[in-house]
Amino acid sequence: MIAVPLSFMAGAFIPLPRQVLGTFGGRTYQIYDLLPWTHAISGLRAVLTYGEGLSGDVVFEMTWLIILTATLFVGGVICYSKARLGAEK
């Protein structure tokens, strides 16, 4: 129920329309780049389709994947601790 919609939102099956947020450091960032799954798919596509190794693009995607995943994890832990681990009144 969660994996398939996220795969569509990350562009795994079909290309997504361009929703540009801006450019920084020679790269164009889109709204979909806020999801870690987008970076995972881009890194996998670069390795499996284009045959790249640990080049700059793959390392860039993996770095953003780790940062965004850690951010989501910390946010989830904070939300869970406030919702479930707080003292009941």
PDB file of N, CA and C in Angstrom:
ATOM      1  N   MET A   1       0.811  -1.194   0.000  1.00  0.00           N
ATOM      2  CA  MET A   1       0.000   0.000   0.000  1.00  0.00           C
ATOM      3  C   MET A   1       0.855   1.259   0.000  1.00  0.00           C
ATOM      4  N   ILE A   2       2.068   1.154   0.461  1.00  0.00           N
ATOM      5  CA  ILE A   2       2.917   2.339   0.537  1.00  0.00           C
ATOM      6  C   ILE A   2       3.969   2.347  -0.563  1.00  0.00           C
ATOM      7  N   ALA A   3       4.541   1.191  -0.863  1.00  0.00           N
ATOM      8  CA  ALA A   3       5.683   1.128  -1.784  1.00  0.00           C
ATOM      9  C   ALA A   3       5.315   1.510  -3.215  1.00  0.00           C
ATOM     10  N   VAL A   4       4.182   1.058  -3.703  1.00  0.00           N
ATOM     11  CA  VAL A   4       3.825   1.331  -5.095  1.00  0.00           C
ATOM     12  C   VAL A   4       3.535   2.822  -5.323  1.00  0.00           C
ATOM     13  N   PRO A   5       2.726   3.480  -4.505  1.00  0.00           N
ATOM     14  CA  PRO A   5       2.543   4.927  -4.732  1.00  0.00           C
ATOM     15  C   PRO A   5       3.845   5.724  -4.603  1.00  0.00           C
ATOM     16  N   LEU A   6       4.709   5.330  -3.654  1.00  0.00           N
ATOM     17  CA  LEU A   6       5.984   6.028  -3.522  1.00  0.00           C
ATOM     18  C   LEU A   6       6.874   5.792  -4.736  1.00  0.00           C
ATOM     19  N   SER A   7       6.789   4.610  -5.320  1.00  0.00           N
ATOM     20  CA  SER A   7       7.563   4.328  -6.529  1.00  0.00           C
ATOM     21  C   SER A   7       7.094   5.204  -7.680  1.00  0.00           C
ATOM     22  N   PHE A   8       5.790   5.406  -7.790  1.00  0.00           N
ATOM     23  CA  PHE A   8       5.284   6.304  -8.833  1.00  0.00           C
ATOM     24  C   PHE A   8       5.713   7.739  -8.560  1.00  0.00           C
ATOM     25  N   MET A   9       5.661   8.170  -7.291  1.00  0.00           N
ATOM     26  CA  MET A   9       6.045   9.540  -6.948  1.00  0.00           C
ATOM     27  C   MET A   9       7.532   9.787  -7.140  1.00  0.00           C
ATOM     28  N   ALA A  10       8.330   8.733  -7.073  1.00  0.00           N
ATOM     29  CA  ALA A  10       9.777   8.879  -7.231  1.00  0.00           C
ATOM     30  C   ALA A  10      10.214   8.742  -8.681  1.00  0.00           C
ATOM     31  N   GLY A  11       9.312   8.346  -9.563  1.00  0.00           N
ATOM     32  CA  GLY A  11       9.648   8.245 -10.976  1.00  0.00           C
ATOM     33  C   GLY A  11      10.261   6.923 -11.375  1.00  0.00           C
ATOM     34  N   ALA A  12       9.946   5.860 -10.663  1.00  0.00           N
ATOM     35  CA  ALA A  12      10.525   4.549 -10.979  1.00  0.00           C
ATOM     36  C   ALA A  12       9.934   3.952 -12.239  1.00  0.00           C
ATOM     37  N   PHE A  13       8.666   4.173 -12.490  1.00  0.00           N
ATOM     38  CA  PHE A  13       7.993   3.522 -13.606  1.00  0.00           C
ATOM     39  C   PHE A  13       7.867   4.411 -14.835  1.00  0.00           C
ATOM     40  N   ILE A  14       7.514   5.659 -14.621  1.00  0.00           N
ATOM     41  CA  ILE A  14       7.343   6.597 -15.732  1.00  0.00           C
ATOM     42  C   ILE A  14       8.059   7.901 -15.378  1.00  0.00           C
ATOM     43  N   PRO A  15       8.546   8.636 -16.373  1.00  0.00           N
ATOM     44  CA  PRO A  15       9.186   9.919 -16.078  1.00  0.00           C
ATOM     45  C   PRO A  15       8.173  10.919 -15.504  1.00  0.00           C
ATOM     46  N   LEU A  16       8.637  11.701 -14.577  1.00  0.00           N
ATOM     47  CA  LEU A  16       7.777  12.679 -13.935  1.00  0.00           C
ATOM     48  C   LEU A  16       7.862  14.022 -14.661  1.00  0.00           C
ATOM     49  N   PRO A  17       6.792  14.808 -14.625  1.00  0.00           N
ATOM     50  CA  PRO A  17       6.865  16.148 -15.233  1.00  0.00           C
ATOM     51  C   PRO A  17       7.839  17.027 -14.460  1.00  0.00           C
ATOM     52  N   ARG A  18       8.432  17.965 -15.147  1.00  0.00           N
ATOM     53  CA  ARG A  18       9.423  18.826 -14.499  1.00  0.00           C
ATOM     54  C   ARG A  18       8.737  19.837 -13.581  1.00  0.00           C
ATOM     55  N   GLN A  19       9.146  19.840 -12.345  1.00  0.00           N
ATOM     56  CA  GLN A  19       8.674  20.788 -11.337  1.00  0.00           C
ATOM     57  C   GLN A  19       9.914  21.406 -10.686  1.00  0.00           C
ATOM     58  N   VAL A  20      10.541  22.328 -11.369  1.00  0.00           N
ATOM     59  CA  VAL A  20      11.836  22.860 -10.951  1.00  0.00           C
ATOM     60  C   VAL A  20      11.681  23.790  -9.754  1.00  0.00           C
ATOM     61  N   LEU A  21      12.481  23.523  -8.712  1.00  0.00           N
ATOM     62  CA  LEU A  21      12.564  24.422  -7.565  1.00  0.00           C
ATOM     63  C   LEU A  21      13.625  25.492  -7.783  1.00  0.00           C
ATOM     64  N   GLY A  22      14.717  25.100  -8.412  1.00  0.00           N
ATOM     65  CA  GLY A  22      15.797  26.041  -8.682  1.00  0.00           C
ATOM     66  C   GLY A  22      17.071  25.305  -9.044  1.00  0.00           C
ATOM     67  N   THR A  23      18.126  26.066  -9.267  1.00  0.00           N
ATOM     68  CA  THR A  23      19.419  25.474  -9.578  1.00  0.00           C
ATOM     69  C   THR A  23      20.425  25.920  -8.528  1.00  0.00           C
ATOM     70  N   PHE A  24      21.339  25.012  -8.208  1.00  0.00           N
ATOM     71  CA  PHE A  24      22.377  25.308  -7.233  1.00  0.00           C
ATOM     72  C   PHE A  24      23.568  24.411  -7.532  1.00  0.00           C
ATOM     73  N   GLY A  25      24.720  24.988  -7.659  1.00  0.00           N
ATOM     74  CA  GLY A  25      25.925  24.212  -7.897  1.00  0.00           C
ATOM     75  C   GLY A  25      25.933  23.484  -9.235  1.00  0.00           C
ATOM     76  N   GLY A  26      25.269  24.043 -10.230  1.00  0.00           N
ATOM     77  CA  GLY A  26      25.242  23.415 -11.541  1.00  0.00           C
ATOM     78  C   GLY A  26      24.230  22.292 -11.685  1.00  0.00           C
ATOM     79  N   ARG A  27      23.421  22.054 -10.663  1.00  0.00           N
ATOM     80  CA  ARG A  27      22.393  21.013 -10.718  1.00  0.00           C
ATOM     81  C   ARG A  27      21.015  21.652 -10.586  1.00  0.00           C
ATOM     82  N   THR A  28      20.059  21.071 -11.293  1.00  0.00           N
ATOM     83  CA  THR A  28      18.681  21.531 -11.212  1.00  0.00           C
ATOM     84  C   THR A  28      17.938  20.666 -10.209  1.00  0.00           C
ATOM     85  N   TYR A  29      17.285  21.294  -9.251  1.00  0.00           N
ATOM     86  CA  TYR A  29      16.549  20.572  -8.215  1.00  0.00           C
ATOM     87  C   TYR A  29      15.053  20.688  -8.478  1.00  0.00           C
ATOM     88  N   GLN A  30      14.363  19.569  -8.336  1.00  0.00           N
ATOM     89  CA  GLN A  30      12.928  19.517  -8.537  1.00  0.00           C
ATOM     90  C   GLN A  30      12.247  19.215  -7.212  1.00  0.00           C
ATOM     91  N   ILE A  31      10.943  19.336  -7.192  1.00  0.00           N
ATOM     92  CA  ILE A  31      10.174  19.076  -5.979  1.00  0.00           C
ATOM     93  C   ILE A  31      10.315  17.621  -5.541  1.00  0.00           C
ATOM     94  N   TYR A  32      10.537  16.720  -6.506  1.00  0.00           N
ATOM     95  CA  TYR A  32      10.662  15.300  -6.195  1.00  0.00           C
ATOM     96  C   TYR A  32      11.972  14.978  -5.494  1.00  0.00           C
ATOM     97  N   ASP A  33      12.926  15.868  -5.559  1.00  0.00           N
ATOM     98  CA  ASP A  33      14.219  15.635  -4.917  1.00  0.00           C
ATOM     99  C   ASP A  33      14.139  15.723  -3.397  1.00  0.00           C
ATOM    100  N   LEU A  34      12.995  16.089  -2.867  1.00  0.00           N
ATOM    101  CA  LEU A  34      12.814  16.097  -1.421  1.00  0.00           C
ATOM    102  C   LEU A  34      12.539  14.699  -0.873  1.00  0.00           C
ATOM    103  N   LEU A  35      12.255  13.747  -1.762  1.00  0.00           N
ATOM    104  CA  LEU A  35      12.012  12.363  -1.358  1.00  0.00           C
ATOM    105  C   LEU A  35      13.288  11.549  -1.504  1.00  0.00           C
ATOM    106  N   PRO A  36      13.669  10.776  -0.494  1.00  0.00           N
ATOM    107  CA  PRO A  36      14.881   9.967  -0.627  1.00  0.00           C
ATOM    108  C   PRO A  36      14.756   8.896  -1.700  1.00  0.00           C
ATOM    109  N   TRP A  37      13.555   8.444  -2.001  1.00  0.00           N
ATOM    110  CA  TRP A  37      13.357   7.388  -2.995  1.00  0.00           C
ATOM    111  C   TRP A  37      13.766   7.854  -4.384  1.00  0.00           C
ATOM    112  N   THR A  38      13.614   9.126  -4.661  1.00  0.00           N
ATOM    113  CA  THR A  38      14.016   9.668  -5.955  1.00  0.00           C
ATOM    114  C   THR A  38      15.522   9.521  -6.144  1.00  0.00           C
ATOM    115  N   HIS A  39      16.281   9.780  -5.103  1.00  0.00           N
ATOM    116  CA  HIS A  39      17.731   9.660  -5.187  1.00  0.00           C
ATOM    117  C   HIS A  39      18.159   8.200  -5.282  1.00  0.00           C
ATOM    118  N   ALA A  40      17.451   7.318  -4.606  1.00  0.00           N
ATOM    119  CA  ALA A  40      17.766   5.896  -4.709  1.00  0.00           C
ATOM    120  C   ALA A  40      17.544   5.396  -6.127  1.00  0.00           C
ATOM    121  N   ILE A  41      16.462   5.797  -6.736  1.00  0.00           N
ATOM    122  CA  ILE A  41      16.149   5.370  -8.097  1.00  0.00           C
ATOM    123  C   ILE A  41      17.132   5.980  -9.090  1.00  0.00           C
ATOM    124  N   SER A  42      17.497   7.228  -8.899  1.00  0.00           N
ATOM    125  CA  SER A  42      18.471   7.868  -9.800  1.00  0.00           C
ATOM    126  C   SER A  42      19.827   7.182  -9.708  1.00  0.00           C
ATOM    127  N   GLY A  43      20.252   6.840  -8.505  1.00  0.00           N
ATOM    128  CA  GLY A  43      21.517   6.138  -8.339  1.00  0.00           C
ATOM    129  C   GLY A  43      21.482   4.746  -8.951  1.00  0.00           C
ATOM    130  N   LEU A  44      20.393   4.018  -8.723  1.00  0.00           N
ATOM    131  CA  LEU A  44      20.258   2.692  -9.325  1.00  0.00           C
ATOM    132  C   LEU A  44      20.206   2.770 -10.840  1.00  0.00           C
ATOM    133  N   ARG A  45      19.498   3.752 -11.365  1.00  0.00           N
ATOM    134  CA  ARG A  45      19.413   3.917 -12.819  1.00  0.00           C
ATOM    135  C   ARG A  45      20.793   4.227 -13.408  1.00  0.00           C
ATOM    136  N   ALA A  46      21.575   5.050 -12.718  1.00  0.00           N
ATOM    137  CA  ALA A  46      22.915   5.384 -13.212  1.00  0.00           C
ATOM    138  C   ALA A  46      23.818   4.157 -13.230  1.00  0.00           C
ATOM    139  N   VAL A  47      23.701   3.304 -12.211  1.00  0.00           N
ATOM    140  CA  VAL A  47      24.560   2.125 -12.144  1.00  0.00           C
ATOM    141  C   VAL A  47      24.073   1.032 -13.090  1.00  0.00           C
ATOM    142  N   LEU A  48      22.792   0.721 -13.045  1.00  0.00           N
ATOM    143  CA  LEU A  48      22.285  -0.411 -13.815  1.00  0.00           C
ATOM    144  C   LEU A  48      22.093  -0.113 -15.296  1.00  0.00           C
ATOM    145  N   THR A  49      21.642   1.078 -15.627  1.00  0.00           N
ATOM    146  CA  THR A  49      21.372   1.398 -17.024  1.00  0.00           C
ATOM    147  C   THR A  49      22.591   1.978 -17.731  1.00  0.00           C
ATOM    148  N   TYR A  50      23.256   2.922 -17.071  1.00  0.00           N
ATOM    149  CA  TYR A  50      24.360   3.624 -17.715  1.00  0.00           C
ATOM    150  C   TYR A  50      25.726   3.045 -17.371  1.00  0.00           C
ATOM    151  N   GLY A  51      25.788   2.076 -16.473  1.00  0.00           N
ATOM    152  CA  GLY A  51      27.037   1.391 -16.153  1.00  0.00           C
ATOM    153  C   GLY A  51      28.055   2.218 -15.396  1.00  0.00           C
ATOM    154  N   GLU A  52      27.607   3.209 -14.662  1.00  0.00           N
ATOM    155  CA  GLU A  52      28.537   4.030 -13.889  1.00  0.00           C
ATOM    156  C   GLU A  52      28.929   3.287 -12.609  1.00  0.00           C
ATOM    157  N   GLY A  53      30.120   3.535 -12.158  1.00  0.00           N
ATOM    158  CA  GLY A  53      30.569   2.990 -10.889  1.00  0.00           C
ATOM    159  C   GLY A  53      30.310   4.008  -9.797  1.00  0.00           C
ATOM    160  N   LEU A  54      31.231   4.094  -8.859  1.00  0.00           N
ATOM    161  CA  LEU A  54      31.103   5.094  -7.807  1.00  0.00           C
ATOM    162  C   LEU A  54      31.632   6.435  -8.310  1.00  0.00           C
ATOM    163  N   SER A  55      30.955   6.958  -9.312  1.00  0.00           N
ATOM    164  CA  SER A  55      31.343   8.256  -9.865  1.00  0.00           C
ATOM    165  C   SER A  55      30.722   9.364  -9.021  1.00  0.00           C
ATOM    166  N   GLY A  56      30.937  10.588  -9.423  1.00  0.00           N
ATOM    167  CA  GLY A  56      30.421  11.732  -8.678  1.00  0.00           C
ATOM    168  C   GLY A  56      28.909  11.753  -8.586  1.00  0.00           C
ATOM    169  N   ASP A  57      28.224  11.355  -9.670  1.00  0.00           N
ATOM    170  CA  ASP A  57      26.763  11.385  -9.653  1.00  0.00           C
ATOM    171  C   ASP A  57      26.184  10.358  -8.694  1.00  0.00           C
ATOM    172  N   VAL A  58      26.742   9.171  -8.684  1.00  0.00           N
ATOM    173  CA  VAL A  58      26.224   8.120  -7.800  1.00  0.00           C
ATOM    174  C   VAL A  58      26.506   8.473  -6.339  1.00  0.00           C
ATOM    175  N   VAL A  59      27.674   8.983  -6.067  1.00  0.00           N
ATOM    176  CA  VAL A  59      28.009   9.397  -4.695  1.00  0.00           C
ATOM    177  C   VAL A  59      27.115  10.551  -4.262  1.00  0.00           C
ATOM    178  N   PHE A  60      26.832  11.480  -5.166  1.00  0.00           N
ATOM    179  CA  PHE A  60      25.934  12.589  -4.864  1.00  0.00           C
ATOM    180  C   PHE A  60      24.535  12.077  -4.503  1.00  0.00           C
ATOM    181  N   GLU A  61      24.012  11.158  -5.302  1.00  0.00           N
ATOM    182  CA  GLU A  61      22.677  10.606  -5.032  1.00  0.00           C
ATOM    183  C   GLU A  61      22.655   9.829  -3.722  1.00  0.00           C
ATOM    184  N   MET A  62      23.694   9.054  -3.450  1.00  0.00           N
ATOM    185  CA  MET A  62      23.742   8.279  -2.211  1.00  0.00           C
ATOM    186  C   MET A  62      23.873   9.184  -0.987  1.00  0.00           C
ATOM    187  N   THR A  63      24.614  10.275  -1.125  1.00  0.00           N
ATOM    188  CA  THR A  63      24.744  11.219  -0.010  1.00  0.00           C
ATOM    189  C   THR A  63      23.399  11.836   0.333  1.00  0.00           C
ATOM    190  N   TRP A  64      22.672  12.298  -0.695  1.00  0.00           N
ATOM    191  CA  TRP A  64      21.352  12.873  -0.447  1.00  0.00           C
ATOM    192  C   TRP A  64      20.369  11.825   0.073  1.00  0.00           C
ATOM    193  N   LEU A  65      20.507  10.602  -0.402  1.00  0.00           N
ATOM    194  CA  LEU A  65      19.651   9.510   0.089  1.00  0.00           C
ATOM    195  C   LEU A  65      19.856   9.314   1.585  1.00  0.00           C
ATOM    196  N   ILE A  66      21.092   9.288   2.033  1.00  0.00           N
ATOM    197  CA  ILE A  66      21.385   9.093   3.457  1.00  0.00           C
ATOM    198  C   ILE A  66      20.903  10.278   4.283  1.00  0.00           C
ATOM    199  N   ILE A  67      21.138  11.499   3.812  1.00  0.00           N
ATOM    200  CA  ILE A  67      20.726  12.696   4.561  1.00  0.00           C
ATOM    201  C   ILE A  67      19.207  12.761   4.691  1.00  0.00           C
ATOM    202  N   LEU A  68      18.493  12.552   3.594  1.00  0.00           N
ATOM    203  CA  LEU A  68      17.035  12.650   3.632  1.00  0.00           C
ATOM    204  C   LEU A  68      16.403  11.496   4.423  1.00  0.00           C
ATOM    205  N   THR A  69      16.984  10.311   4.330  1.00  0.00           N
ATOM    206  CA  THR A  69      16.469   9.181   5.102  1.00  0.00           C
ATOM    207  C   THR A  69      16.662   9.428   6.592  1.00  0.00           C
ATOM    208  N   ALA A  70      17.827   9.929   6.982  1.00  0.00           N
ATOM    209  CA  ALA A  70      18.067  10.233   8.395  1.00  0.00           C
ATOM    210  C   ALA A  70      17.115  11.318   8.891  1.00  0.00           C
ATOM    211  N   THR A  71      16.847  12.309   8.054  1.00  0.00           N
ATOM    212  CA  THR A  71      15.915  13.375   8.424  1.00  0.00           C
ATOM    213  C   THR A  71      14.510  12.823   8.634  1.00  0.00           C
ATOM    214  N   LEU A  72      14.053  11.974   7.709  1.00  0.00           N
ATOM    215  CA  LEU A  72      12.735  11.360   7.870  1.00  0.00           C
ATOM    216  C   LEU A  72      12.670  10.467   9.095  1.00  0.00           C
ATOM    217  N   PHE A  73      13.743   9.730   9.363  1.00  0.00           N
ATOM    218  CA  PHE A  73      13.773   8.841  10.524  1.00  0.00           C
ATOM    219  C   PHE A  73      13.688   9.634  11.823  1.00  0.00           C
ATOM    220  N   VAL A  74      14.476  10.692  11.925  1.00  0.00           N
ATOM    221  CA  VAL A  74      14.453  11.518  13.135  1.00  0.00           C
ATOM    222  C   VAL A  74      13.090  12.173  13.306  1.00  0.00           C
ATOM    223  N   GLY A  75      12.517  12.671  12.221  1.00  0.00           N
ATOM    224  CA  GLY A  75      11.177  13.258  12.295  1.00  0.00           C
ATOM    225  C   GLY A  75      10.131  12.233  12.720  1.00  0.00           C
ATOM    226  N   GLY A  76      10.244  11.012  12.212  1.00  0.00           N
ATOM    227  CA  GLY A  76       9.319   9.945  12.607  1.00  0.00           C
ATOM    228  C   GLY A  76       9.460   9.570  14.069  1.00  0.00           C
ATOM    229  N   VAL A  77      10.684   9.505  14.560  1.00  0.00           N
ATOM    230  CA  VAL A  77      10.914   9.184  15.975  1.00  0.00           C
ATOM    231  C   VAL A  77      10.344  10.278  16.865  1.00  0.00           C
ATOM    232  N   ILE A  78      10.542  11.520  16.490  1.00  0.00           N
ATOM    233  CA  ILE A  78      10.008  12.631  17.288  1.00  0.00           C
ATOM    234  C   ILE A  78       8.484  12.597  17.288  1.00  0.00           C
ATOM    235  N   CYS A  79       7.876  12.406  16.133  1.00  0.00           N
ATOM    236  CA  CYS A  79       6.411  12.343  16.063  1.00  0.00           C
ATOM    237  C   CYS A  79       5.864  11.158  16.854  1.00  0.00           C
ATOM    238  N   TYR A  80       6.522  10.020  16.739  1.00  0.00           N
ATOM    239  CA  TYR A  80       6.065   8.830  17.465  1.00  0.00           C
ATOM    240  C   TYR A  80       6.208   9.020  18.968  1.00  0.00           C
ATOM    241  N   SER A  81       7.316   9.603  19.395  1.00  0.00           N
ATOM    242  CA  SER A  81       7.512   9.777  20.826  1.00  0.00           C
ATOM    243  C   SER A  81       6.502  10.761  21.411  1.00  0.00           C
ATOM    244  N   LYS A  82       6.111  11.763  20.654  1.00  0.00           N
ATOM    245  CA  LYS A  82       5.107  12.707  21.151  1.00  0.00           C
ATOM    246  C   LYS A  82       3.723  12.097  21.152  1.00  0.00           C
ATOM    247  N   ALA A  83       3.439  11.260  20.147  1.00  0.00           N
ATOM    248  CA  ALA A  83       2.095  10.707  20.025  1.00  0.00           C
ATOM    249  C   ALA A  83       1.876   9.474  20.908  1.00  0.00           C
ATOM    250  N   ARG A  84       2.865   8.613  21.033  1.00  0.00           N
ATOM    251  CA  ARG A  84       2.669   7.338  21.716  1.00  0.00           C
ATOM    252  C   ARG A  84       3.408   7.171  23.020  1.00  0.00           C
ATOM    253  N   LEU A  85       4.528   7.829  23.195  1.00  0.00           N
ATOM    254  CA  LEU A  85       5.332   7.604  24.365  1.00  0.00           C
ATOM    255  C   LEU A  85       5.121   8.648  25.448  1.00  0.00           C
ATOM    256  N   GLY A  86       4.265   9.598  25.196  1.00  0.00           N
ATOM    257  CA  GLY A  86       4.008  10.614  26.204  1.00  0.00           C
ATOM    258  C   GLY A  86       3.132  10.063  27.339  1.00  0.00           C
ATOM    259  N   ALA A  87       3.143  10.737  28.460  1.00  0.00           N
ATOM    260  CA  ALA A  87       2.336  10.316  29.607  1.00  0.00           C
ATOM    261  C   ALA A  87       0.852  10.520  29.278  1.00  0.00           C
ATOM    262  N   GLU A  88       0.074   9.537  29.635  1.00  0.00           N
ATOM    263  CA  GLU A  88      -1.373   9.662  29.412  1.00  0.00           C
ATOM    264  C   GLU A  88      -1.979  10.513  30.506  1.00  0.00           C
ATOM    265  N   LYS A  89      -2.970  11.294  30.134  1.00  0.00           N
ATOM    266  CA  LYS A  89      -3.597  12.195  31.090  1.00  0.00           C
ATOM    267  C   LYS A  89      -4.851  11.590  31.650  1.00  0.00           C
TER     268      LYS A  89
END
